[in-house]
């Protein structure tokens, strides 16, 4: 599931990038839909695994995973925009 999510994330980003370059709004919506679905496929398995691994601290485990997920985007965005 994570591999499918990562592959589709790349596909969604590629579609959105191509849509911006060609100024194609339906392709941009398609890229956003693919990216949104892939986001769920890549995000849910680590959360469910952490909740099973830390049953007494479910909130902390899911929060730390969310922190890493958002923190990675926060760090990668400025680096990739150069």
PDB file of N, CA and C in Angstrom:
ATOM      1  N   UNK A   1       0.813  -1.193   0.000  1.00  0.00           N
ATOM      2  CA  UNK A   1       0.000   0.000   0.000  1.00  0.00           C
ATOM      3  C   UNK A   1       0.866   1.270   0.000  1.00  0.00           C
ATOM      4  N   UNK A   2       1.946   1.256   0.762  1.00  0.00           N
ATOM      5  CA  UNK A   2       2.821   2.435   0.790  1.00  0.00           C
ATOM      6  C   UNK A   2       3.526   2.626  -0.541  1.00  0.00           C
ATOM      7  N   UNK A   3       3.916   1.525  -1.176  1.00  0.00           N
ATOM      8  CA  UNK A   3       4.581   1.630  -2.474  1.00  0.00           C
ATOM      9  C   UNK A   3       3.614   2.161  -3.532  1.00  0.00           C
ATOM     10  N   UNK A   4       2.382   1.678  -3.495  1.00  0.00           N
ATOM     11  CA  UNK A   4       1.369   2.195  -4.429  1.00  0.00           C
ATOM     12  C   UNK A   4       1.119   3.675  -4.159  1.00  0.00           C
ATOM     13  N   UNK A   5       1.068   4.052  -2.887  1.00  0.00           N
ATOM     14  CA  UNK A   5       0.866   5.451  -2.538  1.00  0.00           C
ATOM     15  C   UNK A   5       2.005   6.334  -3.007  1.00  0.00           C
ATOM     16  N   UNK A   6       3.233   5.862  -2.815  1.00  0.00           N
ATOM     17  CA  UNK A   6       4.391   6.655  -3.243  1.00  0.00           C
ATOM     18  C   UNK A   6       4.428   6.805  -4.763  1.00  0.00           C
ATOM     19  N   UNK A   7       4.102   5.736  -5.474  1.00  0.00           N
ATOM     20  CA  UNK A   7       4.077   5.794  -6.937  1.00  0.00           C
ATOM     21  C   UNK A   7       3.003   6.755  -7.425  1.00  0.00           C
ATOM     22  N   UNK A   8       1.831   6.669  -6.823  1.00  0.00           N
ATOM     23  CA  UNK A   8       0.740   7.566  -7.230  1.00  0.00           C
ATOM     24  C   UNK A   8       1.002   9.012  -6.802  1.00  0.00           C
ATOM     25  N   UNK A   9       1.698   9.213  -5.677  1.00  0.00           N
ATOM     26  CA  UNK A   9       2.078  10.576  -5.296  1.00  0.00           C
ATOM     27  C   UNK A   9       2.948  11.198  -6.375  1.00  0.00           C
ATOM     28  N   UNK A  10       3.913  10.427  -6.853  1.00  0.00           N
ATOM     29  CA  UNK A  10       4.776  10.928  -7.932  1.00  0.00           C
ATOM     30  C   UNK A  10       3.971  11.190  -9.188  1.00  0.00           C
ATOM     31  N   UNK A  11       3.037  10.309  -9.488  1.00  0.00           N
ATOM     32  CA  UNK A  11       2.189  10.517 -10.663  1.00  0.00           C
ATOM     33  C   UNK A  11       1.307  11.753 -10.537  1.00  0.00           C
ATOM     34  N   UNK A  12       0.749  11.967  -9.356  1.00  0.00           N
ATOM     35  CA  UNK A  12      -0.082  13.153  -9.137  1.00  0.00           C
ATOM     36  C   UNK A  12       0.712  14.439  -9.245  1.00  0.00           C
ATOM     37  N   UNK A  13       1.917  14.449  -8.662  1.00  0.00           N
ATOM     38  CA  UNK A  13       2.773  15.631  -8.786  1.00  0.00           C
ATOM     39  C   UNK A  13       3.157  15.875 -10.240  1.00  0.00           C
ATOM     40  N   UNK A  14       3.454  14.803 -10.961  1.00  0.00           N
ATOM     41  CA  UNK A  14       3.831  14.950 -12.369  1.00  0.00           C
ATOM     42  C   UNK A  14       2.675  15.489 -13.199  1.00  0.00           C
ATOM     43  N   UNK A  15       1.478  14.961 -12.951  1.00  0.00           N
ATOM     44  CA  UNK A  15       0.301  15.466 -13.672  1.00  0.00           C
ATOM     45  C   UNK A  15       0.048  16.940 -13.362  1.00  0.00           C
ATOM     46  N   UNK A  16       0.149  17.299 -12.093  1.00  0.00           N
ATOM     47  CA  UNK A  16      -0.076  18.695 -11.722  1.00  0.00           C
ATOM     48  C   UNK A  16       0.983  19.601 -12.332  1.00  0.00           C
ATOM     49  N   UNK A  17       2.216  19.151 -12.353  1.00  0.00           N
ATOM     50  CA  UNK A  17       3.283  19.946 -12.953  1.00  0.00           C
ATOM     51  C   UNK A  17       3.066  20.129 -14.446  1.00  0.00           C
ATOM     52  N   UNK A  18       2.699  19.045 -15.127  1.00  0.00           N
ATOM     53  CA  UNK A  18       2.430  19.131 -16.560  1.00  0.00           C
ATOM     54  C   UNK A  18       1.228  20.027 -16.831  1.00  0.00           C
ATOM     55  N   UNK A  19       0.242  19.991 -15.941  1.00  0.00           N
ATOM     56  CA  UNK A  19      -0.945  20.823 -16.119  1.00  0.00           C
ATOM     57  C   UNK A  19      -0.615  22.303 -15.993  1.00  0.00           C
ATOM     58  N   UNK A  20       0.274  22.641 -15.078  1.00  0.00           N
ATOM     59  CA  UNK A  20       0.661  24.046 -14.908  1.00  0.00           C
ATOM     60  C   UNK A  20       1.443  24.524 -16.128  1.00  0.00           C
ATOM     61  N   UNK A  21       2.334  23.678 -16.619  1.00  0.00           N
ATOM     62  CA  UNK A  21       3.148  24.064 -17.775  1.00  0.00           C
ATOM     63  C   UNK A  21       2.270  24.257 -19.017  1.00  0.00           C
ATOM     64  N   UNK A  22       1.304  23.358 -19.214  1.00  0.00           N
ATOM     65  CA  UNK A  22       0.445  23.432 -20.405  1.00  0.00           C
ATOM     66  C   UNK A  22      -0.820  24.247 -20.171  1.00  0.00           C
ATOM     67  N   UNK A  23      -1.026  24.733 -18.957  1.00  0.00           N
ATOM     68  CA  UNK A  23      -2.208  25.506 -18.578  1.00  0.00           C
ATOM     69  C   UNK A  23      -3.492  24.729 -18.881  1.00  0.00           C
ATOM     70  N   UNK A  24      -3.538  23.496 -18.380  1.00  0.00           N
ATOM     71  CA  UNK A  24      -4.660  22.593 -18.606  1.00  0.00           C
ATOM     72  C   UNK A  24      -5.367  22.348 -17.274  1.00  0.00           C
ATOM     73  N   UNK A  25      -6.511  22.988 -17.065  1.00  0.00           N
ATOM     74  CA  UNK A  25      -7.215  22.907 -15.785  1.00  0.00           C
ATOM     75  C   UNK A  25      -7.760  21.512 -15.483  1.00  0.00           C
ATOM     76  N   UNK A  26      -8.385  20.796 -16.442  1.00  0.00           N
ATOM     77  CA  UNK A  26      -8.842  19.436 -16.106  1.00  0.00           C
ATOM     78  C   UNK A  26      -7.698  18.498 -15.702  1.00  0.00           C
ATOM     79  N   UNK A  27      -6.545  18.655 -16.324  1.00  0.00           N
ATOM     80  CA  UNK A  27      -5.394  17.827 -15.945  1.00  0.00           C
ATOM     81  C   UNK A  27      -4.930  18.181 -14.541  1.00  0.00           C
ATOM     82  N   UNK A  28      -5.043  19.443 -14.166  1.00  0.00           N
ATOM     83  CA  UNK A  28      -4.678  19.859 -12.813  1.00  0.00           C
ATOM     84  C   UNK A  28      -5.613  19.221 -11.791  1.00  0.00           C
ATOM     85  N   UNK A  29      -6.912  19.196 -12.098  1.00  0.00           N
ATOM     86  CA  UNK A  29      -7.868  18.536 -11.204  1.00  0.00           C
ATOM     87  C   UNK A  29      -7.585  17.037 -11.108  1.00  0.00           C
ATOM     88  N   UNK A  30      -7.249  16.412 -12.222  1.00  0.00           N
ATOM     89  CA  UNK A  30      -6.919  14.993 -12.215  1.00  0.00           C
ATOM     90  C   UNK A  30      -5.672  14.727 -11.378  1.00  0.00           C
ATOM     91  N   UNK A  31      -4.654  15.554 -11.540  1.00  0.00           N
ATOM     92  CA  UNK A  31      -3.438  15.405 -10.738  1.00  0.00           C
ATOM     93  C   UNK A  31      -3.724  15.580  -9.257  1.00  0.00           C
ATOM     94  N   UNK A  32      -4.591  16.523  -8.925  1.00  0.00           N
ATOM     95  CA  UNK A  32      -4.965  16.720  -7.523  1.00  0.00           C
ATOM     96  C   UNK A  32      -5.732  15.542  -6.959  1.00  0.00           C
ATOM     97  N   UNK A  33      -6.615  14.952  -7.768  1.00  0.00           N
ATOM     98  CA  UNK A  33      -7.369  13.782  -7.317  1.00  0.00           C
ATOM     99  C   UNK A  33      -6.449  12.580  -7.115  1.00  0.00           C
ATOM    100  N   UNK A  34      -5.537  12.363  -8.059  1.00  0.00           N
ATOM    101  CA  UNK A  34      -4.581  11.254  -7.923  1.00  0.00           C
ATOM    102  C   UNK A  34      -3.710  11.473  -6.698  1.00  0.00           C
ATOM    103  N   UNK A  35      -3.231  12.695  -6.516  1.00  0.00           N
ATOM    104  CA  UNK A  35      -2.385  12.996  -5.373  1.00  0.00           C
ATOM    105  C   UNK A  35      -3.153  12.821  -4.062  1.00  0.00           C
ATOM    106  N   UNK A  36      -4.405  13.255  -4.028  1.00  0.00           N
ATOM    107  CA  UNK A  36      -5.208  13.121  -2.816  1.00  0.00           C
ATOM    108  C   UNK A  36      -5.455  11.673  -2.431  1.00  0.00           C
ATOM    109  N   UNK A  37      -5.786  10.834  -3.398  1.00  0.00           N
ATOM    110  CA  UNK A  37      -5.965   9.413  -3.114  1.00  0.00           C
ATOM    111  C   UNK A  37      -4.651   8.779  -2.654  1.00  0.00           C
ATOM    112  N   UNK A  38      -3.588   9.124  -3.329  1.00  0.00           N
ATOM    113  CA  UNK A  38      -2.282   8.565  -2.986  1.00  0.00           C
ATOM    114  C   UNK A  38      -1.832   9.017  -1.602  1.00  0.00           C
ATOM    115  N   UNK A  39      -2.217  10.201  -1.223  1.00  0.00           N
ATOM    116  CA  UNK A  39      -1.894  10.692   0.109  1.00  0.00           C
ATOM    117  C   UNK A  39      -2.484   9.773   1.166  1.00  0.00           C
ATOM    118  N   UNK A  40      -3.712   9.356   0.967  1.00  0.00           N
ATOM    119  CA  UNK A  40      -4.337   8.418   1.892  1.00  0.00           C
ATOM    120  C   UNK A  40      -3.666   7.064   1.886  1.00  0.00           C
ATOM    121  N   UNK A  41      -3.300   6.576   0.705  1.00  0.00           N
ATOM    122  CA  UNK A  41      -2.636   5.273   0.602  1.00  0.00           C
ATOM    123  C   UNK A  41      -1.263   5.288   1.277  1.00  0.00           C
ATOM    124  N   UNK A  42      -0.578   6.401   1.210  1.00  0.00           N
ATOM    125  CA  UNK A  42       0.762   6.473   1.797  1.00  0.00           C
ATOM    126  C   UNK A  42       0.720   6.846   3.278  1.00  0.00           C
ATOM    127  N   UNK A  43      -0.359   7.427   3.756  1.00  0.00           N
ATOM    128  CA  UNK A  43      -0.419   7.944   5.126  1.00  0.00           C
ATOM    129  C   UNK A  43      -1.044   6.949   6.104  1.00  0.00           C
ATOM    130  N   UNK A  44      -2.050   6.202   5.674  1.00  0.00           N
ATOM    131  CA  UNK A  44      -2.788   5.329   6.586  1.00  0.00           C
ATOM    132  C   UNK A  44      -1.957   4.151   7.108  1.00  0.00           C
ATOM    133  N   UNK A  45      -1.186   3.428   6.289  1.00  0.00           N
ATOM    134  CA  UNK A  45      -0.445   2.285   6.837  1.00  0.00           C
ATOM    135  C   UNK A  45       0.533   2.621   7.969  1.00  0.00           C
ATOM    136  N   UNK A  46       1.328   3.705   7.877  1.00  0.00           N
ATOM    137  CA  UNK A  46       2.193   4.000   9.028  1.00  0.00           C
ATOM    138  C   UNK A  46       1.407   4.350  10.288  1.00  0.00           C
ATOM    139  N   UNK A  47       0.298   5.059  10.135  1.00  0.00           N
ATOM    140  CA  UNK A  47      -0.512   5.420  11.303  1.00  0.00           C
ATOM    141  C   UNK A  47      -1.075   4.166  11.961  1.00  0.00           C
ATOM    142  N   UNK A  48      -1.655   3.263  11.175  1.00  0.00           N
ATOM    143  CA  UNK A  48      -2.244   2.061  11.770  1.00  0.00           C
ATOM    144  C   UNK A  48      -1.173   1.177  12.409  1.00  0.00           C
ATOM    145  N   UNK A  49       0.008   1.119  11.807  1.00  0.00           N
ATOM    146  CA  UNK A  49       1.092   0.329  12.390  1.00  0.00           C
ATOM    147  C   UNK A  49       1.548   0.934  13.713  1.00  0.00           C
ATOM    148  N   UNK A  50       1.695   2.244  13.758  1.00  0.00           N
ATOM    149  CA  UNK A  50       2.120   2.891  15.005  1.00  0.00           C
ATOM    150  C   UNK A  50       1.075   2.746  16.106  1.00  0.00           C
ATOM    151  N   UNK A  51      -0.193   2.812  15.749  1.00  0.00           N
ATOM    152  CA  UNK A  51      -1.249   2.665  16.757  1.00  0.00           C
ATOM    153  C   UNK A  51      -1.233   1.250  17.330  1.00  0.00           C
ATOM    154  N   UNK A  52      -0.936   0.253  16.494  1.00  0.00           N
ATOM    155  CA  UNK A  52      -0.839  -1.121  17.000  1.00  0.00           C
ATOM    156  C   UNK A  52       0.434  -1.320  17.821  1.00  0.00           C
ATOM    157  N   UNK A  53       1.494  -0.620  17.464  1.00  0.00           N
ATOM    158  CA  UNK A  53       2.767  -0.775  18.163  1.00  0.00           C
ATOM    159  C   UNK A  53       2.750  -0.073  19.520  1.00  0.00           C
ATOM    160  N   UNK A  54       2.037   1.044  19.616  1.00  0.00           N
ATOM    161  CA  UNK A  54       1.920   1.795  20.876  1.00  0.00           C
ATOM    162  C   UNK A  54       0.444   1.879  21.287  1.00  0.00           C
ATOM    163  N   UNK A  55      -0.162   0.780  21.759  1.00  0.00           N
ATOM    164  CA  UNK A  55      -1.602   0.807  22.063  1.00  0.00           C
ATOM    165  C   UNK A  55      -1.962   1.731  23.228  1.00  0.00           C
ATOM    166  N   UNK A  56      -1.033   1.959  24.158  1.00  0.00           N
ATOM    167  CA  UNK A  56      -1.355   2.821  25.296  1.00  0.00           C
ATOM    168  C   UNK A  56      -1.111   4.296  25.007  1.00  0.00           C
ATOM    169  N   UNK A  57      -0.431   4.610  23.908  1.00  0.00           N
ATOM    170  CA  UNK A  57      -0.156   6.008  23.554  1.00  0.00           C
ATOM    171  C   UNK A  57      -0.509   6.247  22.083  1.00  0.00           C
ATOM    172  N   UNK A  58      -1.752   5.969  21.740  1.00  0.00           N
ATOM    173  CA  UNK A  58      -2.194   6.079  20.352  1.00  0.00           C
ATOM    174  C   UNK A  58      -2.128   7.514  19.843  1.00  0.00           C
ATOM    175  N   UNK A  59      -2.534   8.445  20.659  1.00  0.00           N
ATOM    176  CA  UNK A  59      -2.538   9.856  20.253  1.00  0.00           C
ATOM    177  C   UNK A  59      -1.134  10.379  19.998  1.00  0.00           C
ATOM    178  N   UNK A  60      -0.207  10.031  20.881  1.00  0.00           N
ATOM    179  CA  UNK A  60       1.169  10.485  20.697  1.00  0.00           C
ATOM    180  C   UNK A  60       1.783   9.859  19.447  1.00  0.00           C
ATOM    181  N   UNK A  61       1.526   8.567  19.229  1.00  0.00           N
ATOM    182  CA  UNK A  61       2.097   7.873  18.075  1.00  0.00           C
ATOM    183  C   UNK A  61       1.580   8.469  16.766  1.00  0.00           C
ATOM    184  N   UNK A  62       0.275   8.679  16.669  1.00  0.00           N
ATOM    185  CA  UNK A  62      -0.262   9.249  15.429  1.00  0.00           C
ATOM    186  C   UNK A  62       0.157  10.706  15.275  1.00  0.00           C
ATOM    187  N   UNK A  63       0.274  11.417  16.369  1.00  0.00           N
ATOM    188  CA  UNK A  63       0.731  12.809  16.305  1.00  0.00           C
ATOM    189  C   UNK A  63       2.171  12.940  15.838  1.00  0.00           C
ATOM    190  N   UNK A  64       3.030  12.053  16.312  1.00  0.00           N
ATOM    191  CA  UNK A  64       4.430  12.085  15.889  1.00  0.00           C
ATOM    192  C   UNK A  64       4.561  11.719  14.408  1.00  0.00           C
ATOM    193  N   UNK A  65       3.730  10.785  13.949  1.00  0.00           N
ATOM    194  CA  UNK A  65       3.747  10.432  12.522  1.00  0.00           C
ATOM    195  C   UNK A  65       3.277  11.616  11.682  1.00  0.00           C
ATOM    196  N   UNK A  66       2.242  12.275  12.139  1.00  0.00           N
ATOM    197  CA  UNK A  66       1.747  13.455  11.436  1.00  0.00           C
ATOM    198  C   UNK A  66       2.787  14.567  11.449  1.00  0.00           C
ATOM    199  N   UNK A  67       3.487  14.716  12.546  1.00  0.00           N
ATOM    200  CA  UNK A  67       4.554  15.705  12.643  1.00  0.00           C
ATOM    201  C   UNK A  67       5.655  15.421  11.624  1.00  0.00           C
ATOM    202  N   UNK A  68       6.047  14.172  11.505  1.00  0.00           N
ATOM    203  CA  UNK A  68       7.061  13.811  10.517  1.00  0.00           C
ATOM    204  C   UNK A  68       6.581  14.003   9.098  1.00  0.00           C
ATOM    205  N   UNK A  69       5.322  13.698   8.853  1.00  0.00           N
ATOM    206  CA  UNK A  69       4.750  13.839   7.515  1.00  0.00           C
ATOM    207  C   UNK A  69       4.700  15.316   7.098  1.00  0.00           C
ATOM    208  N   UNK A  70       4.205  16.157   7.974  1.00  0.00           N
ATOM    209  CA  UNK A  70       4.140  17.586   7.670  1.00  0.00           C
ATOM    210  C   UNK A  70       5.495  18.256   7.716  1.00  0.00           C
ATOM    211  N   UNK A  71       6.356  17.807   8.631  1.00  0.00           N
ATOM    212  CA  UNK A  71       7.701  18.378   8.723  1.00  0.00           C
ATOM    213  C   UNK A  71       8.531  18.092   7.487  1.00  0.00           C
ATOM    214  N   UNK A  72       8.356  16.901   6.932  1.00  0.00           N
ATOM    215  CA  UNK A  72       9.065  16.571   5.696  1.00  0.00           C
ATOM    216  C   UNK A  72       8.648  17.478   4.552  1.00  0.00           C
ATOM    217  N   UNK A  73       7.367  17.757   4.466  1.00  0.00           N
ATOM    218  CA  UNK A  73       6.872  18.672   3.425  1.00  0.00           C
ATOM    219  C   UNK A  73       7.383  20.089   3.665  1.00  0.00           C
ATOM    220  N   UNK A  74       7.458  20.493   4.927  1.00  0.00           N
ATOM    221  CA  UNK A  74       7.927  21.839   5.244  1.00  0.00           C
ATOM    222  C   UNK A  74       9.402  22.015   4.876  1.00  0.00           C
ATOM    223  N   UNK A  75      10.193  20.974   5.071  1.00  0.00           N
ATOM    224  CA  UNK A  75      11.614  21.041   4.747  1.00  0.00           C
ATOM    225  C   UNK A  75      11.839  20.888   3.236  1.00  0.00           C
ATOM    226  N   UNK A  76      11.090  19.984   2.611  1.00  0.00           N
ATOM    227  CA  UNK A  76      11.309  19.698   1.187  1.00  0.00           C
ATOM    228  C   UNK A  76      10.822  20.821   0.276  1.00  0.00           C
ATOM    229  N   UNK A  77       9.775  21.525   0.655  1.00  0.00           N
ATOM    230  CA  UNK A  77       9.211  22.552  -0.225  1.00  0.00           C
ATOM    231  C   UNK A  77      10.211  23.654  -0.566  1.00  0.00           C
ATOM    232  N   UNK A  78      10.896  24.252   0.393  1.00  0.00           N
ATOM    233  CA  UNK A  78      11.874  25.282   0.020  1.00  0.00           C
ATOM    234  C   UNK A  78      13.062  24.714  -0.775  1.00  0.00           C
ATOM    235  N   UNK A  79      13.462  23.492  -0.458  1.00  0.00           N
ATOM    236  CA  UNK A  79      14.592  22.909  -1.160  1.00  0.00           C
ATOM    237  C   UNK A  79      14.260  22.606  -2.625  1.00  0.00           C
ATOM    238  N   UNK A  80      13.041  22.166  -2.879  1.00  0.00           N
ATOM    239  CA  UNK A  80      12.658  21.801  -4.248  1.00  0.00           C
ATOM    240  C   UNK A  80      12.213  22.998  -5.081  1.00  0.00           C
ATOM    241  N   UNK A  81      11.954  24.124  -4.449  1.00  0.00           N
ATOM    242  CA  UNK A  81      11.490  25.290  -5.200  1.00  0.00           C
ATOM    243  C   UNK A  81      12.639  26.122  -5.754  1.00  0.00           C
ATOM    244  N   UNK A  82      13.862  25.750  -5.473  1.00  0.00           N
ATOM    245  CA  UNK A  82      15.015  26.515  -5.958  1.00  0.00           C
ATOM    246  C   UNK A  82      15.311  26.210  -7.394  1.00  0.00           C
TER     247      UNK A  82
END
